[in-house]
C-alpha atoms as a PDB file:
ATOM      1  CA  UNK A   1     115.908 134.118  45.196  1.00  0.00           C
ATOM      2  CA  UNK A   2     112.281 134.112  44.098  1.00  0.00           C
ATOM      3  CA  UNK A   3     110.858 130.910  42.760  1.00  0.00           C
ATOM      4  CA  UNK A   4     108.888 130.970  39.542  1.00  0.00           C
ATOM      5  CA  UNK A   5     105.126 131.382  40.161  1.00  0.00           C
ATOM      6  CA  UNK A   6     104.091 127.770  39.282  1.00  0.00           C
ATOM      7  CA  UNK A   7     106.505 126.325  41.916  1.00  0.00           C
ATOM      8  CA  UNK A   8     105.299 128.546  44.791  1.00  0.00           C
ATOM      9  CA  UNK A   9     101.961 126.706  45.329  1.00  0.00           C
ATOM     10  CA  UNK A  10     103.819 123.381  45.402  1.00  0.00           C
ATOM     11  CA  UNK A  11     106.295 124.740  47.941  1.00  0.00           C
ATOM     12  CA  UNK A  12     103.474 126.045  50.131  1.00  0.00           C
ATOM     13  CA  UNK A  13     101.608 122.757  49.860  1.00  0.00           C
ATOM     14  CA  UNK A  14     104.750 120.791  50.711  1.00  0.00           C
ATOM     15  CA  UNK A  15     105.517 123.034  53.697  1.00  0.00           C
ATOM     16  CA  UNK A  16     101.939 122.726  54.945  1.00  0.00           C
ATOM     17  CA  UNK A  17     102.005 118.926  54.673  1.00  0.00           C
ATOM     18  CA  UNK A  18     105.327 118.798  56.499  1.00  0.00           C
ATOM     19  CA  UNK A  19     103.941 120.928  59.340  1.00  0.00           C
ATOM     20  CA  UNK A  20     100.856 118.703  59.596  1.00  0.00           C
ATOM     21  CA  UNK A  21     103.025 115.593  59.742  1.00  0.00           C
ATOM     22  CA  UNK A  22     105.215 117.081  62.484  1.00  0.00           C
ATOM     23  CA  UNK A  23     102.157 118.209  64.473  1.00  0.00           C
ATOM     24  CA  UNK A  24     100.549 114.773  64.155  1.00  0.00           C
ATOM     25  CA  UNK A  25     103.752 113.078  65.304  1.00  0.00           C
ATOM     26  CA  UNK A  26     103.929 115.381  68.356  1.00  0.00           C
ATOM     27  CA  UNK A  27     100.346 114.698  69.355  1.00  0.00           C
ATOM     28  CA  UNK A  28      99.152 118.246  68.531  1.00  0.00           C
ATOM     29  CA  UNK A  29      96.816 118.745  71.448  1.00  0.00           C
ATOM     30  CA  UNK A  30      96.152 115.075  72.120  1.00  0.00           C
ATOM     31  CA  UNK A  31      97.084 113.631  75.512  1.00  0.00           C
ATOM     32  CA  UNK A  32     100.052 111.278  75.399  1.00  0.00           C
ATOM     33  CA  UNK A  33      99.347 107.583  75.163  1.00  0.00           C
ATOM     34  CA  UNK A  34     100.655 105.829  78.247  1.00  0.00           C
ATOM     35  CA  UNK A  35     100.830 102.083  78.677  1.00  0.00           C
ATOM     36  CA  UNK A  36      99.548 100.214  81.722  1.00  0.00           C
ATOM     37  CA  UNK A  37     100.521 101.944  84.950  1.00  0.00           C
ATOM     38  CA  UNK A  38     103.134 100.181  86.948  1.00  0.00           C
ATOM     39  CA  UNK A  39     106.702  99.458  87.786  1.00  0.00           C
ATOM     40  CA  UNK A  40     108.628  96.871  85.760  1.00  0.00           C
ATOM     41  CA  UNK A  41     105.511  95.893  83.799  1.00  0.00           C
ATOM     42  CA  UNK A  42     103.307  95.354  86.859  1.00  0.00           C
ATOM     43  CA  UNK A  43      99.667  96.403  86.573  1.00  0.00           C
ATOM     44  CA  UNK A  44      98.992  98.653  89.556  1.00  0.00           C
ATOM     45  CA  UNK A  45      96.503  98.572  91.193  1.00  0.00           C
ATOM     46  CA  UNK A  46      96.054  94.866  90.603  1.00  0.00           C
ATOM     47  CA  UNK A  47      93.241  93.790  88.307  1.00  0.00           C
ATOM     48  CA  UNK A  48      90.141  92.069  89.626  1.00  0.00           C
ATOM     49  CA  UNK A  49      89.443  89.217  89.946  1.00  0.00           C
ATOM     50  CA  UNK A  50      92.663  88.385  91.767  1.00  0.00           C
ATOM     51  CA  UNK A  51      94.624  85.338  90.593  1.00  0.00           C
ATOM     52  CA  UNK A  52      96.306  83.226  93.317  1.00  0.00           C
ATOM     53  CA  UNK A  53      98.868  82.033  90.732  1.00  0.00           C
ATOM     54  CA  UNK A  54     100.328  85.560  90.726  1.00  0.00           C
ATOM     55  CA  UNK A  55     101.435  85.307  94.380  1.00  0.00           C
ATOM     56  CA  UNK A  56     103.654  83.078  96.538  1.00  0.00           C
ATOM     57  CA  UNK A  57     102.067  80.659  99.000  1.00  0.00           C
ATOM     58  CA  UNK A  58     104.217  81.779 101.970  1.00  0.00           C
ATOM     59  CA  UNK A  59     104.846  85.534 101.962  1.00  0.00           C
ATOM     60  CA  UNK A  60     107.875  86.412 104.071  1.00  0.00           C
ATOM     61  CA  UNK A  61     108.561  89.931 102.848  1.00  0.00           C
ATOM     62  CA  UNK A  62     111.441  91.456 100.958  1.00  0.00           C
ATOM     63  CA  UNK A  63     114.655  93.110 102.112  1.00  0.00           C
ATOM     64  CA  UNK A  64     112.903  96.429 102.832  1.00  0.00           C
ATOM     65  CA  UNK A  65     109.981  94.892 104.723  1.00  0.00           C
ATOM     66  CA  UNK A  66     110.852  91.461 106.108  1.00  0.00           C
ATOM     67  CA  UNK A  67     107.865  89.482 107.411  1.00  0.00           C
ATOM     68  CA  UNK A  68     109.494  86.191 108.491  1.00  0.00           C
ATOM     69  CA  UNK A  69     107.288  85.446 111.510  1.00  0.00           C
ATOM     70  CA  UNK A  70     104.027  86.985 110.355  1.00  0.00           C
ATOM     71  CA  UNK A  71     100.853  84.988 110.872  1.00  0.00           C
ATOM     72  CA  UNK A  72      99.095  84.103 107.658  1.00  0.00           C
ATOM     73  CA  UNK A  73      95.558  84.804 106.510  1.00  0.00           C
ATOM     74  CA  UNK A  74      93.682  84.197 103.258  1.00  0.00           C
ATOM     75  CA  UNK A  75      92.228  86.806 100.880  1.00  0.00           C
ATOM     76  CA  UNK A  76      90.468  85.532  97.757  1.00  0.00           C
ATOM     77  CA  UNK A  77      92.531  82.314  97.905  1.00  0.00           C
ATOM     78  CA  UNK A  78      95.794  84.243  98.242  1.00  0.00           C
ATOM     79  CA  UNK A  79      98.093  83.801 101.249  1.00  0.00           C
ATOM     80  CA  UNK A  80      98.730  87.115 102.981  1.00  0.00           C
ATOM     81  CA  UNK A  81     100.968  87.977 105.908  1.00  0.00           C
ATOM     82  CA  UNK A  82      99.425  89.885 108.812  1.00  0.00           C
ATOM     83  CA  UNK A  83     101.801  92.836 109.342  1.00  0.00           C
ATOM     84  CA  UNK A  84     101.153  94.390 112.750  1.00  0.00           C
ATOM     85  CA  UNK A  85     102.508  97.939 113.096  1.00  0.00           C
ATOM     86  CA  UNK A  86     101.471 101.232 114.631  1.00  0.00           C
ATOM     87  CA  UNK A  87      98.297  99.767 116.147  1.00  0.00           C
ATOM     88  CA  UNK A  88      96.962  98.410 112.838  1.00  0.00           C
ATOM     89  CA  UNK A  89      97.153  95.102 110.999  1.00  0.00           C
ATOM     90  CA  UNK A  90      97.804  95.256 107.262  1.00  0.00           C
ATOM     91  CA  UNK A  91      97.388  92.271 104.942  1.00  0.00           C
ATOM     92  CA  UNK A  92     100.409  91.835 102.664  1.00  0.00           C
ATOM     93  CA  UNK A  93     100.819  89.444  99.725  1.00  0.00           C
ATOM     94  CA  UNK A  94     104.072  88.777  97.890  1.00  0.00           C
ATOM     95  CA  UNK A  95     104.586  88.048  94.206  1.00  0.00           C
ATOM     96  CA  UNK A  96     107.297  85.785  92.783  1.00  0.00           C
ATOM     97  CA  UNK A  97     109.619  88.775  92.198  1.00  0.00           C
ATOM     98  CA  UNK A  98     109.452  89.762  95.878  1.00  0.00           C
ATOM     99  CA  UNK A  99     107.199  92.793  95.403  1.00  0.00           C
ATOM    100  CA  UNK A 100     104.859  93.281  98.359  1.00  0.00           C
ATOM    101  CA  UNK A 101     101.185  94.079  97.711  1.00  0.00           C
ATOM    102  CA  UNK A 102      98.803  95.763 100.157  1.00  0.00           C
ATOM    103  CA  UNK A 103      95.691  93.568 100.302  1.00  0.00           C
ATOM    104  CA  UNK A 104      93.851  95.310 103.093  1.00  0.00           C
ATOM    105  CA  UNK A 105      93.683  96.606 106.615  1.00  0.00           C
ATOM    106  CA  UNK A 106      91.882  94.442 109.128  1.00  0.00           C
ATOM    107  CA  UNK A 107      88.593  96.011 110.184  1.00  0.00           C
ATOM    108  CA  UNK A 108      88.650  98.577 107.360  1.00  0.00           C
ATOM    109  CA  UNK A 109      88.940  97.010 103.888  1.00  0.00           C
ATOM    110  CA  UNK A 110      89.964  93.840 102.089  1.00  0.00           C
ATOM    111  CA  UNK A 111      90.985  93.458  98.446  1.00  0.00           C
ATOM    112  CA  UNK A 112      88.249  92.062  96.240  1.00  0.00           C
ATOM    113  CA  UNK A 113      85.407  93.355  98.434  1.00  0.00           C
ATOM    114  CA  UNK A 114      83.319  96.368  97.413  1.00  0.00           C
ATOM    115  CA  UNK A 115      85.661  97.162  94.507  1.00  0.00           C
ATOM    116  CA  UNK A 116      88.789  97.343  96.686  1.00  0.00           C
ATOM    117  CA  UNK A 117      91.950  96.745  94.648  1.00  0.00           C
ATOM    118  CA  UNK A 118      95.374  95.960  96.076  1.00  0.00           C
ATOM    119  CA  UNK A 119      98.343  98.051  95.123  1.00  0.00           C
ATOM    120  CA  UNK A 120     102.098  97.857  95.422  1.00  0.00           C
ATOM    121  CA  UNK A 121     103.144  98.400  99.050  1.00  0.00           C
ATOM    122  CA  UNK A 122     106.939  97.965  98.833  1.00  0.00           C
ATOM    123  CA  UNK A 123     108.701  97.121  95.554  1.00  0.00           C
ATOM    124  CA  UNK A 124     111.509  94.550  95.623  1.00  0.00           C
ATOM    125  CA  UNK A 125     113.726  96.594  93.281  1.00  0.00           C
ATOM    126  CA  UNK A 126     112.802 100.251  93.768  1.00  0.00           C
ATOM    127  CA  UNK A 127     114.267 103.042  91.646  1.00  0.00           C
ATOM    128  CA  UNK A 128     114.225 106.724  92.513  1.00  0.00           C
ATOM    129  CA  UNK A 129     111.251 108.335  90.806  1.00  0.00           C
ATOM    130  CA  UNK A 130     109.127 105.164  90.543  1.00  0.00           C
ATOM    131  CA  UNK A 131     105.539 106.024  91.394  1.00  0.00           C
ATOM    132  CA  UNK A 132     102.721 103.581  92.076  1.00  0.00           C
ATOM    133  CA  UNK A 133      99.256 103.118  93.510  1.00  0.00           C
ATOM    134  CA  UNK A 134      99.344 101.459  96.927  1.00  0.00           C
ATOM    135  CA  UNK A 135      95.637 100.750  97.249  1.00  0.00           C
ATOM    136  CA  UNK A 136      92.383 101.832  95.684  1.00  0.00           C
ATOM    137  CA  UNK A 137      89.165 101.490  97.667  1.00  0.00           C
ATOM    138  CA  UNK A 138      86.297 103.596  96.273  1.00  0.00           C
ATOM    139  CA  UNK A 139      85.499 106.430  98.669  1.00  0.00           C
ATOM    140  CA  UNK A 140      87.926 105.222 101.366  1.00  0.00           C
ATOM    141  CA  UNK A 141      91.542 104.784 100.176  1.00  0.00           C
ATOM    142  CA  UNK A 142      93.375 106.203  97.143  1.00  0.00           C
ATOM    143  CA  UNK A 143      96.939 105.914  98.410  1.00  0.00           C
ATOM    144  CA  UNK A 144      99.963 106.381  96.174  1.00  0.00           C
ATOM    145  CA  UNK A 145     103.712 106.451  96.742  1.00  0.00           C
ATOM    146  CA  UNK A 146     106.789 107.723  94.956  1.00  0.00           C
ATOM    147  CA  UNK A 147     110.300 106.454  95.579  1.00  0.00           C
ATOM    148  CA  UNK A 148     112.143 109.526  96.896  1.00  0.00           C
ATOM    149  CA  UNK A 149     115.474 107.821  97.593  1.00  0.00           C
ATOM    150  CA  UNK A 150     117.193 104.432  97.572  1.00  0.00           C
ATOM    151  CA  UNK A 151     120.599 103.890  99.096  1.00  0.00           C
ATOM    152  CA  UNK A 152     122.693 103.345 102.205  1.00  0.00           C
ATOM    153  CA  UNK A 153     120.448 100.454 103.190  1.00  0.00           C
ATOM    154  CA  UNK A 154     117.261 102.504 103.093  1.00  0.00           C
ATOM    155  CA  UNK A 155     114.221 103.055 100.936  1.00  0.00           C
ATOM    156  CA  UNK A 156     112.374 106.375 101.276  1.00  0.00           C
ATOM    157  CA  UNK A 157     108.813 106.722  99.993  1.00  0.00           C
ATOM    158  CA  UNK A 158     106.712 109.871  99.717  1.00  0.00           C
ATOM    159  CA  UNK A 159     103.136 108.774 100.426  1.00  0.00           C
ATOM    160  CA  UNK A 160      99.863 110.608  99.746  1.00  0.00           C
ATOM    161  CA  UNK A 161      96.113 109.961  99.753  1.00  0.00           C
ATOM    162  CA  UNK A 162      93.727 112.669  98.522  1.00  0.00           C
ATOM    163  CA  UNK A 163      90.910 110.987 100.475  1.00  0.00           C
ATOM    164  CA  UNK A 164      92.899 111.182 103.745  1.00  0.00           C
ATOM    165  CA  UNK A 165      95.319 114.142 103.900  1.00  0.00           C
ATOM    166  CA  UNK A 166      96.680 112.854 107.236  1.00  0.00           C
ATOM    167  CA  UNK A 167      98.379 110.040 105.293  1.00  0.00           C
ATOM    168  CA  UNK A 168     100.674 112.469 103.464  1.00  0.00           C
ATOM    169  CA  UNK A 169     104.263 112.069 104.537  1.00  0.00           C
ATOM    170  CA  UNK A 170     107.481 110.186 104.203  1.00  0.00           C
ATOM    171  CA  UNK A 171     108.147 106.551 105.092  1.00  0.00           C
ATOM    172  CA  UNK A 172     111.640 105.177 105.552  1.00  0.00           C
ATOM    173  CA  UNK A 173     112.363 101.446 105.377  1.00  0.00           C
ATOM    174  CA  UNK A 174     115.706  99.962 106.432  1.00  0.00           C
ATOM    175  CA  UNK A 175     117.078  96.789 104.864  1.00  0.00           C
ATOM    176  CA  UNK A 176     116.373  93.734 107.080  1.00  0.00           C
ATOM    177  CA  UNK A 177     114.512  95.920 109.576  1.00  0.00           C
ATOM    178  CA  UNK A 178     111.411  97.304 107.833  1.00  0.00           C
ATOM    179  CA  UNK A 179     109.527 100.517 108.476  1.00  0.00           C
ATOM    180  CA  UNK A 180     111.502 102.785 110.803  1.00  0.00           C
ATOM    181  CA  UNK A 181     109.978 106.212 110.139  1.00  0.00           C
ATOM    182  CA  UNK A 182     107.402 107.298 110.858  1.00  0.00           C
ATOM    183  CA  UNK A 183     108.039 105.385 114.069  1.00  0.00           C
ATOM    184  CA  UNK A 184     106.675 101.874 113.723  1.00  0.00           C
ATOM    185  CA  UNK A 185     104.432 100.833 116.561  1.00  0.00           C
END
């Protein structure tokens, strides 16, 4: 059925406006707006300056990376556990939810110095597909991880660092035991 001539321009105008509205709603060429990066509302990597109130005073790890006997150190007024593994010593802070944050590697970098920002090392409640920044140190470390699997008492992370391709690989943590693969120590 053909519409009378006076109604055709209105139909075309209405159709055009509808298409514009749909395109605007879909973003039509604009990148999607994404909220703060993180898992469960965490800001990752952590913002500077660091706030000691965000962390516990005696980090002892979580079920995937227990640190019950770790010696303590201090970074920017925040208590960190010294996690010795594989010939290195990493500095690990813990927040009230049990998430573990990577605050540095002795002899290499420390959070808060030269723009170094801590990232999430091992989440307390990981979900398959969660991705997060582990650490961000300009020109030295840009490590990220994605939860590849959770179950049967293990947490599997796929780890990468575009600044250090040798870091790329898979880490497996066992409940109450910690990092088991790659071989720890």
